[in-house]
Protein backbone atom coordinates (compact mmCIF):
# COMPACT_ATOMS: atom_id res chain seq x y z
CA MET A 1 10.54 -6.12 -8.43
CA ALA A 2 11.74 -3.01 -10.20
CA HIS A 3 13.96 -0.56 -8.34
CA ASP A 4 12.41 2.51 -9.95
CA ILE A 5 9.11 2.19 -8.07
CA THR A 6 7.83 5.37 -6.47
CA TRP A 7 6.13 4.81 -3.13
CA GLN A 8 3.57 7.21 -1.73
CA LYS A 9 1.92 7.42 1.67
CA SER A 10 -1.68 6.25 1.69
CA SER A 11 -4.35 8.84 2.37
CA TYR A 12 -5.68 6.37 4.97
CA SER A 13 -2.48 6.85 7.04
CA GLY A 14 -2.40 9.54 9.70
CA GLY A 15 -0.72 12.89 9.20
CA GLY A 16 2.87 13.77 9.95
CA ASP A 17 6.01 11.76 9.42
CA ALA A 18 5.15 8.79 11.63
CA ALA A 19 7.07 5.61 10.89
CA ASN A 20 3.98 3.39 10.81
CA CYS A 21 2.33 4.41 7.57
CA LEU A 22 0.92 2.35 4.75
CA GLU A 23 2.71 3.08 1.48
CA LEU A 24 1.41 2.28 -1.98
CA ALA A 25 3.02 1.94 -5.39
CA ALA A 26 1.80 0.76 -8.77
CA THR A 27 3.28 -0.95 -11.77
CA ARG A 28 1.47 -1.56 -15.01
CA GLU A 29 0.13 -4.91 -13.78
CA THR A 30 0.14 -4.76 -9.99
CA ARG A 31 -0.46 -2.68 -6.90
CA LEU A 32 2.11 -2.86 -4.11
CA LEU A 33 1.61 -2.22 -0.40
CA ARG A 34 4.11 -2.02 2.43
CA GLU A 35 4.33 -0.65 5.93
CA SER A 36 6.90 2.15 6.18
CA ASP A 37 8.67 0.59 9.15
CA GLU A 38 9.02 -2.75 7.27
CA PRO A 39 9.91 -1.64 3.72
CA GLY A 40 11.33 -5.04 2.77
CA THR A 41 7.98 -6.76 3.21
CA VAL A 42 5.77 -5.99 0.21
CA ILE A 43 2.29 -7.27 -0.59
CA GLU A 44 1.60 -7.51 -4.30
CA THR A 45 -1.98 -7.55 -5.62
CA THR A 46 -4.12 -6.42 -8.52
CA GLY A 47 -6.21 -3.26 -8.64
CA THR A 48 -9.32 -5.41 -8.18
CA GLY A 49 -7.77 -7.19 -5.19
CA LEU A 50 -6.77 -3.90 -3.56
CA ALA A 51 -10.28 -2.49 -4.06
CA ALA A 52 -11.77 -5.62 -2.42
CA LEU A 53 -9.38 -5.28 0.54
CA ILE A 54 -10.29 -1.62 1.04
CA ARG A 55 -14.03 -2.42 0.88
CA HIS A 56 -13.57 -5.22 3.43
CA LEU A 57 -11.64 -2.99 5.81
CA ARG A 58 -14.07 -0.12 5.37
CA ASP A 59 -16.99 -2.42 6.21
CA GLY A 60 -15.38 -3.29 9.55
CA CYS A 61 -13.80 -6.65 8.69
């Protein structure tokens, strides 16, 4: 994984500087997700996979 990835806090995370936020990053091919308090654990997916996950979560699992 490249070291020049820029992470940003998800708009689905609460406000403030809480340590338990979902962070997102993108490369040309993939979308990356991690929890801010576990930055070494990264989930890698495609844009289509991320969209499916968000739909599933939005629909109440």
